[in-house]
Amino acid sequence: HPFNFEGGSISHKLAFSSQLTDLAETNLHAVEERSQGNSSEGVERDLALESNPSDHPRASTIFLSKSQTDVREKRKSNHLNHVSPGQLTKKYSSCSTIFLDDSTVSQPNLRTTVKCVTLAIYYHIKNRDANRSLDIFDERSHPLTREKVPEEYFKHDPEHKFIYRFVRTLFSAAQLTAECAIVTLVYLERLLTYAEIDICPTNWKRIVLGAILLASKVWDDQAVWNVDYCQILKDITVEDMNEMERHFLELLQFNINVPASVYAKYYFDLRSLADDNNLNFLFAPLSKERAQNLEAISRLCEDKDLCRAAMRRSFSADNFIGIQRSKAILS
């Protein structure tokens, strides 16, 4: 309402001015409380993001943390029982020979990467906190085979070799890449964190299948269709695959982004997991041809135009052999 100060007494004006001051202070307090509330919510959101390894590069991967308990116990047992580590099979470089494995962060070895990823899944299942699950991933409600699965099957944790055999079959039949395996593990840990569930004997196959399905569509240029997985797993229907994919995306809050820093962290943590569990990479002496490839890769870091071209997934360092050579970066 408009106020008229011309007519009223000084006492009325002072009283009205006092009311305006009180009202302004009340509004200021309300704004400050809302600001503090929004700020605290923002801080909690940022902290949650930083603690999630699938989103933040500084957060430790869950699988590596879960594996450390077993690694420490194994080392302690070997020490107490005076168990010898056996013959050293790992090769080390010398002044005359440089040994390198055939796996890099940009081109991981498929077989070893799949073994490491399945070992990470094994530790997730073995050292899970509880048995929290969702019906869409429960194999008892949505079986992957028409054959009757005994209830006893769901009471025991699967061995690493069974998990590896299941994933290897999918990757081999669908011709998926090693990079896809790493992204699969990122999505798996993101699902467990976002949905607050555990991977256990009743749901591990469907969770892994959903993560592979999504990773192959996001990462590979020529994605495998849902109907193609139905040809691999004969008894599953397209409708079931579609429903599982939809639930998986919703539980991820449609966050399918994998930053390069997060991808690299998972790659190197998988290498650490392999080293802790004696999964050796294939080492070979550095050949002249491989040294030339490394020279080409090192030049990518110096030439911005070539570096942008290398961002294409199908790009290979072999295309650079004919370019003028520079000193290779071998370390």
Protein backbone atom coordinates (compact mmCIF):
# COMPACT_ATOMS: atom_id res chain seq x y z
CA HIS A 1 0.00 0.00 0.00
CA PRO A 2 1.23 3.55 -0.69
CA PHE A 3 2.14 5.48 2.47
CA ASN A 4 1.69 9.21 2.98
CA PHE A 5 4.23 10.81 5.32
CA GLU A 6 3.04 14.37 4.82
CA GLY A 7 0.07 14.11 7.09
CA GLY A 8 1.00 12.14 10.27
CA SER A 9 2.79 13.11 13.43
CA ILE A 10 6.46 12.56 14.09
CA SER A 11 5.68 9.77 16.58
CA HIS A 12 3.65 7.95 13.92
CA LYS A 13 6.50 8.30 11.44
CA LEU A 14 9.03 6.99 13.97
CA ALA A 15 6.77 4.03 14.84
CA PHE A 16 6.31 3.20 11.17
CA SER A 17 10.06 3.51 10.55
CA SER A 18 10.69 1.11 13.43
CA GLN A 19 8.27 -1.42 11.91
CA LEU A 20 10.06 -1.20 8.54
CA THR A 21 13.40 -1.80 10.29
CA ASP A 22 12.05 -4.89 12.08
CA LEU A 23 10.56 -6.21 8.83
CA ALA A 24 13.87 -5.70 7.00
CA GLU A 25 15.80 -7.51 9.75
CA THR A 26 13.32 -10.42 9.65
CA ASN A 27 13.66 -10.71 5.87
CA LEU A 28 17.46 -10.52 6.15
CA HIS A 29 17.52 -13.36 8.68
CA ALA A 30 15.26 -15.45 6.42
CA VAL A 31 17.53 -14.85 3.41
CA GLU A 32 20.61 -15.76 5.47
CA GLU A 33 18.98 -18.99 6.70
CA ARG A 34 18.01 -19.96 3.14
CA SER A 35 21.50 -19.11 1.93
CA GLN A 36 23.08 -21.20 4.69
CA GLY A 37 20.71 -24.07 3.93
CA ASN A 38 21.51 -23.96 0.20
CA SER A 39 25.21 -23.65 0.99
CA SER A 40 25.18 -26.67 3.30
CA GLU A 41 23.26 -28.69 0.73
CA GLY A 42 25.81 -27.68 -1.90
CA VAL A 43 28.69 -28.67 0.39
CA GLU A 44 27.08 -32.05 1.10
CA ARG A 45 26.54 -32.58 -2.61
CA ASP A 46 30.17 -31.69 -3.39
CA LEU A 47 31.45 -33.97 -0.60
CA ALA A 48 29.30 -36.84 -1.88
CA LEU A 49 30.68 -36.26 -5.37
CA GLU A 50 34.29 -36.17 -4.17
CA SER A 51 33.83 -39.41 -2.21
CA ASN A 52 32.46 -41.24 -5.25
CA PRO A 53 35.36 -42.82 -7.17
CA SER A 54 33.36 -43.21 -10.37
CA ASP A 55 32.86 -39.43 -10.55
CA HIS A 56 35.92 -37.92 -8.89
CA PRO A 57 39.54 -38.73 -9.83
CA ARG A 58 40.90 -38.21 -6.29
CA ALA A 59 38.55 -40.69 -4.58
CA SER A 60 39.95 -44.20 -4.10
CA THR A 61 38.34 -46.97 -6.11
CA ILE A 62 36.09 -49.21 -4.08
CA PHE A 63 37.40 -52.48 -5.50
CA LEU A 64 41.00 -51.70 -4.56
CA SER A 65 39.97 -50.86 -0.99
CA LYS A 66 37.98 -54.08 -0.70
CA SER A 67 40.88 -56.16 -1.99
CA GLN A 68 43.42 -54.80 0.50
CA THR A 69 42.04 -56.85 3.40
CA ASP A 70 42.69 -60.10 1.53
CA VAL A 71 46.08 -58.92 0.30
CA ARG A 72 47.24 -58.05 3.83
CA GLU A 73 46.00 -61.37 5.21
CA LYS A 74 47.75 -63.28 2.42
CA ARG A 75 51.04 -61.47 3.05
CA LYS A 76 50.72 -61.99 6.81
CA SER A 77 50.03 -65.70 6.34
CA ASN A 78 53.01 -66.10 4.01
CA HIS A 79 55.23 -64.32 6.50
CA LEU A 80 54.07 -66.40 9.49
CA ASN A 81 54.36 -69.66 7.58
CA HIS A 82 57.69 -68.67 6.02
CA VAL A 83 56.29 -69.21 2.56
CA SER A 84 58.78 -68.34 -0.16
CA PRO A 85 57.46 -66.12 -2.98
CA GLY A 86 58.91 -68.68 -5.36
CA GLN A 87 60.86 -68.08 -8.52
CA LEU A 88 60.74 -64.49 -9.70
CA THR A 89 58.97 -64.44 -13.06
CA LYS A 90 58.77 -60.67 -13.50
CA LYS A 91 61.42 -59.26 -15.80
CA TYR A 92 63.25 -56.05 -15.01
CA SER A 93 64.93 -53.59 -17.35
CA SER A 94 68.68 -53.14 -17.49
CA CYS A 95 71.08 -50.76 -19.22
CA SER A 96 71.11 -52.95 -22.33
CA THR A 97 67.49 -54.14 -22.44
CA ILE A 98 64.19 -52.43 -21.72
CA PHE A 99 61.22 -54.67 -20.88
CA LEU A 100 57.72 -53.35 -21.57
CA ASP A 101 54.32 -55.00 -21.42
CA ASP A 102 51.80 -54.72 -24.22
CA SER A 103 49.23 -52.78 -22.19
CA THR A 104 48.89 -49.00 -22.05
CA VAL A 105 46.21 -46.70 -20.70
CA SER A 106 45.07 -45.90 -24.24
CA GLN A 107 45.37 -49.49 -25.54
CA PRO A 108 45.00 -51.97 -22.65
CA ASN A 109 45.56 -55.66 -23.17
CA LEU A 110 42.11 -57.24 -23.52
CA ARG A 111 42.72 -60.60 -21.81
CA THR A 112 44.57 -59.15 -18.81
CA THR A 113 42.12 -56.26 -18.42
CA VAL A 114 39.11 -58.58 -18.38
CA LYS A 115 40.87 -60.76 -15.80
CA CYS A 116 41.55 -57.73 -13.60
CA VAL A 117 38.00 -56.37 -13.94
CA THR A 118 36.47 -59.73 -13.02
CA LEU A 119 38.86 -59.98 -10.06
CA ALA A 120 37.62 -56.55 -8.93
CA ILE A 121 34.02 -57.82 -9.18
CA TYR A 122 35.02 -60.91 -7.20
CA TYR A 123 36.32 -58.75 -4.33
CA HIS A 124 33.18 -56.63 -4.48
CA ILE A 125 31.07 -59.75 -3.94
CA LYS A 126 33.33 -61.39 -1.36
CA ASN A 127 33.81 -58.32 0.83
CA ARG A 128 30.37 -56.75 0.42
CA ASP A 129 28.84 -54.87 3.35
CA ALA A 130 25.37 -56.47 3.14
CA ASN A 131 22.97 -58.08 0.65
CA ARG A 132 20.99 -55.00 -0.42
CA SER A 133 19.53 -55.51 -3.88
CA LEU A 134 16.73 -54.55 -6.27
CA ASP A 135 14.22 -56.87 -7.89
CA ILE A 136 15.24 -55.91 -11.44
CA PHE A 137 18.71 -57.35 -10.83
CA ASP A 138 17.61 -60.42 -8.85
CA GLU A 139 18.27 -63.54 -10.90
CA ARG A 140 15.62 -65.44 -8.96
CA SER A 141 12.94 -63.04 -10.23
CA HIS A 142 14.50 -62.50 -13.68
CA PRO A 143 16.44 -65.68 -14.54
CA LEU A 144 18.98 -65.64 -17.37
CA THR A 145 18.30 -69.29 -18.20
CA ARG A 146 15.22 -71.46 -18.42
CA GLU A 147 16.96 -74.22 -16.54
CA LYS A 148 16.06 -74.50 -12.88
CA VAL A 149 18.81 -72.96 -10.76
CA PRO A 150 19.04 -74.58 -7.32
CA GLU A 151 18.58 -72.27 -4.35
CA GLU A 152 21.92 -73.43 -2.99
CA TYR A 153 23.61 -71.66 -5.91
CA PHE A 154 22.59 -68.26 -4.54
CA LYS A 155 23.98 -68.98 -1.07
CA HIS A 156 27.65 -69.15 -2.10
CA ASP A 157 29.91 -66.48 -3.52
CA PRO A 158 31.04 -67.23 -7.09
CA GLU A 159 34.70 -67.99 -7.66
CA HIS A 160 36.80 -65.66 -9.76
CA LYS A 161 37.05 -68.17 -12.60
CA PHE A 162 33.24 -68.33 -12.96
CA ILE A 163 32.95 -64.54 -13.11
CA TYR A 164 35.79 -64.41 -15.64
CA ARG A 165 34.19 -67.10 -17.79
CA PHE A 166 30.84 -65.24 -17.85
CA VAL A 167 32.39 -61.87 -18.79
CA ARG A 168 34.87 -63.38 -21.25
CA THR A 169 32.00 -65.10 -23.09
CA LEU A 170 30.15 -61.80 -23.51
CA PHE A 171 33.25 -59.87 -24.60
CA SER A 172 34.32 -62.56 -27.04
CA ALA A 173 30.90 -63.01 -28.64
CA ALA A 174 30.18 -59.27 -28.85
CA GLN A 175 33.80 -58.42 -29.83
CA LEU A 176 34.10 -55.76 -27.13
CA THR A 177 37.29 -53.87 -26.33
CA ALA A 178 39.46 -53.69 -23.21
CA GLU A 179 38.50 -50.03 -22.74
CA CYS A 180 34.87 -51.15 -22.56
CA ALA A 181 35.78 -53.48 -19.67
CA ILE A 182 37.22 -50.57 -17.68
CA VAL A 183 34.14 -48.41 -18.32
CA THR A 184 32.00 -51.40 -17.26
CA LEU A 185 33.71 -51.37 -13.86
CA VAL A 186 33.20 -47.59 -13.55
CA TYR A 187 29.45 -47.97 -14.20
CA LEU A 188 29.23 -50.91 -11.81
CA GLU A 189 30.75 -48.95 -8.91
CA ARG A 190 28.65 -45.91 -9.80
CA LEU A 191 25.50 -48.04 -9.65
CA LEU A 192 26.42 -49.53 -6.27
CA THR A 193 27.10 -46.03 -4.90
CA TYR A 194 24.11 -44.20 -6.38
CA ALA A 195 21.54 -46.95 -5.73
CA GLU A 196 23.08 -47.94 -2.36
CA ILE A 197 22.98 -51.64 -3.15
CA ASP A 198 25.47 -54.51 -2.92
CA ILE A 199 26.59 -56.97 -5.58
CA CYS A 200 25.96 -60.49 -4.28
CA PRO A 201 25.35 -64.05 -5.55
CA THR A 202 21.72 -63.32 -6.48
CA ASN A 203 22.34 -60.24 -8.64
CA TRP A 204 25.95 -60.16 -9.86
CA LYS A 205 25.26 -61.55 -13.33
CA ARG A 206 22.48 -59.10 -14.16
CA ILE A 207 24.36 -56.11 -12.73
CA VAL A 208 27.47 -57.03 -14.73
CA LEU A 209 25.37 -57.63 -17.85
CA GLY A 210 23.67 -54.24 -17.46
CA ALA A 211 27.02 -52.47 -16.98
CA ILE A 212 28.50 -54.19 -20.06
CA LEU A 213 25.42 -53.37 -22.12
CA LEU A 214 25.62 -49.68 -21.22
CA ALA A 215 29.41 -49.42 -21.54
CA SER A 216 29.40 -50.98 -25.00
CA LYS A 217 26.80 -48.47 -26.21
CA VAL A 218 28.59 -45.46 -24.74
CA TRP A 219 32.17 -46.41 -25.61
CA ASP A 220 32.20 -48.47 -28.81
CA ASP A 221 31.55 -46.75 -32.13
CA GLN A 222 29.56 -49.75 -33.35
CA ALA A 223 27.48 -50.64 -30.32
CA VAL A 224 26.02 -54.08 -29.75
CA TRP A 225 22.22 -54.06 -29.80
CA ASN A 226 20.14 -55.56 -27.03
CA VAL A 227 18.86 -58.22 -29.41
CA ASP A 228 22.47 -59.30 -30.02
CA TYR A 229 22.90 -60.13 -26.35
CA CYS A 230 19.77 -62.26 -26.62
CA GLN A 231 21.62 -64.32 -29.23
CA ILE A 232 24.49 -64.82 -26.76
CA LEU A 233 22.28 -65.54 -23.75
CA LYS A 234 19.67 -67.65 -25.48
CA ASP A 235 16.97 -67.58 -22.80
CA ILE A 236 16.80 -63.85 -22.08
CA THR A 237 14.21 -61.68 -23.86
CA VAL A 238 14.64 -58.29 -25.51
CA GLU A 239 11.93 -56.86 -23.27
CA ASP A 240 13.86 -57.93 -20.18
CA MET A 241 17.07 -56.39 -21.55
CA ASN A 242 15.29 -53.13 -22.36
CA GLU A 243 13.72 -52.92 -18.91
CA MET A 244 17.02 -53.64 -17.18
CA GLU A 245 18.81 -51.02 -19.27
CA ARG A 246 16.14 -48.42 -18.44
CA HIS A 247 16.37 -49.14 -14.70
CA PHE A 248 20.17 -49.05 -14.85
CA LEU A 249 20.13 -45.61 -16.49
CA GLU A 250 17.58 -44.27 -14.03
CA LEU A 251 19.62 -45.52 -11.06
CA LEU A 252 22.70 -43.82 -12.54
CA GLN A 253 20.59 -40.65 -12.81
CA PHE A 254 21.53 -40.79 -16.52
CA ASN A 255 25.11 -39.92 -15.60
CA ILE A 256 27.09 -41.93 -18.15
CA ASN A 257 30.02 -39.51 -18.37
CA VAL A 258 33.45 -41.01 -17.64
CA PRO A 259 36.16 -38.31 -17.41
CA ALA A 260 39.59 -39.20 -18.76
CA SER A 261 41.09 -38.75 -15.27
CA VAL A 262 38.62 -41.25 -13.77
CA TYR A 263 39.27 -43.74 -16.57
CA ALA A 264 43.03 -43.46 -16.05
CA LYS A 265 42.64 -43.92 -12.29
CA TYR A 266 40.67 -47.14 -12.77
CA TYR A 267 43.25 -48.43 -15.28
CA PHE A 268 46.19 -47.92 -12.95
CA ASP A 269 44.28 -49.24 -9.92
CA LEU A 270 43.52 -52.38 -11.94
CA ARG A 271 47.24 -52.73 -12.61
CA SER A 272 47.87 -52.41 -8.87
CA LEU A 273 45.25 -55.09 -8.25
CA ALA A 274 46.98 -57.36 -10.76
CA ASP A 275 50.33 -56.80 -9.08
CA ASP A 276 48.87 -57.57 -5.62
CA ASN A 277 47.37 -60.82 -6.90
CA ASN A 278 50.27 -61.99 -9.07
CA LEU A 279 48.43 -61.44 -12.34
CA ASN A 280 51.48 -60.66 -14.45
CA PHE A 281 51.31 -58.70 -17.66
CA LEU A 282 53.17 -60.11 -20.66
CA PHE A 283 56.60 -58.44 -20.72
CA ALA A 284 58.84 -58.40 -23.80
CA PRO A 285 62.06 -56.62 -24.77
CA LEU A 286 61.60 -53.25 -26.45
CA SER A 287 61.93 -53.77 -30.21
CA LYS A 288 62.94 -51.20 -32.81
CA GLU A 289 59.41 -51.07 -34.20
CA ARG A 290 57.90 -50.56 -30.74
CA ALA A 291 60.43 -47.81 -30.01
CA GLN A 292 59.35 -46.04 -33.21
CA ASN A 293 55.72 -46.30 -32.09
CA LEU A 294 56.66 -44.77 -28.74
CA GLU A 295 58.44 -41.95 -30.57
CA ALA A 296 55.24 -41.32 -32.51
CA ILE A 297 53.17 -41.27 -29.34
CA SER A 298 55.57 -38.84 -27.65
CA ARG A 299 55.24 -36.47 -30.61
CA LEU A 300 51.49 -36.40 -30.07
CA CYS A 301 52.09 -34.59 -26.79
CA GLU A 302 54.10 -31.91 -28.59
CA ASP A 303 51.91 -31.38 -31.66
CA LYS A 304 48.44 -30.05 -30.79
CA ASP A 305 46.97 -30.83 -34.22
CA LEU A 306 48.12 -34.44 -34.05
CA CYS A 307 46.93 -34.66 -30.44
CA ARG A 308 43.43 -33.56 -31.47
CA ALA A 309 43.43 -36.14 -34.24
CA ALA A 310 44.48 -38.81 -31.75
CA MET A 311 41.34 -38.23 -29.71
CA ARG A 312 39.50 -40.40 -32.22
CA ARG A 313 39.04 -43.86 -30.71
CA SER A 314 40.10 -45.67 -33.87
CA PHE A 315 43.36 -43.74 -34.06
CA SER A 316 46.62 -45.70 -34.01
CA ALA A 317 50.20 -44.64 -33.42
CA ASP A 318 51.20 -46.87 -36.34
CA ASN A 319 50.09 -44.08 -38.68
CA PHE A 320 52.93 -41.87 -37.48
CA ILE A 321 55.92 -44.04 -38.33
CA GLY A 322 56.67 -42.07 -41.49
CA ILE A 323 56.79 -38.72 -39.67
CA GLN A 324 60.18 -37.14 -38.88
CA ARG A 325 61.58 -38.82 -35.78
CA SER A 326 62.37 -37.18 -32.47
CA LYS A 327 63.73 -38.50 -29.19
CA ALA A 328 61.42 -41.08 -27.67
CA ILE A 329 60.03 -40.79 -24.15
CA LEU A 330 60.45 -44.24 -22.66
CA SER A 331 59.81 -43.62 -18.98
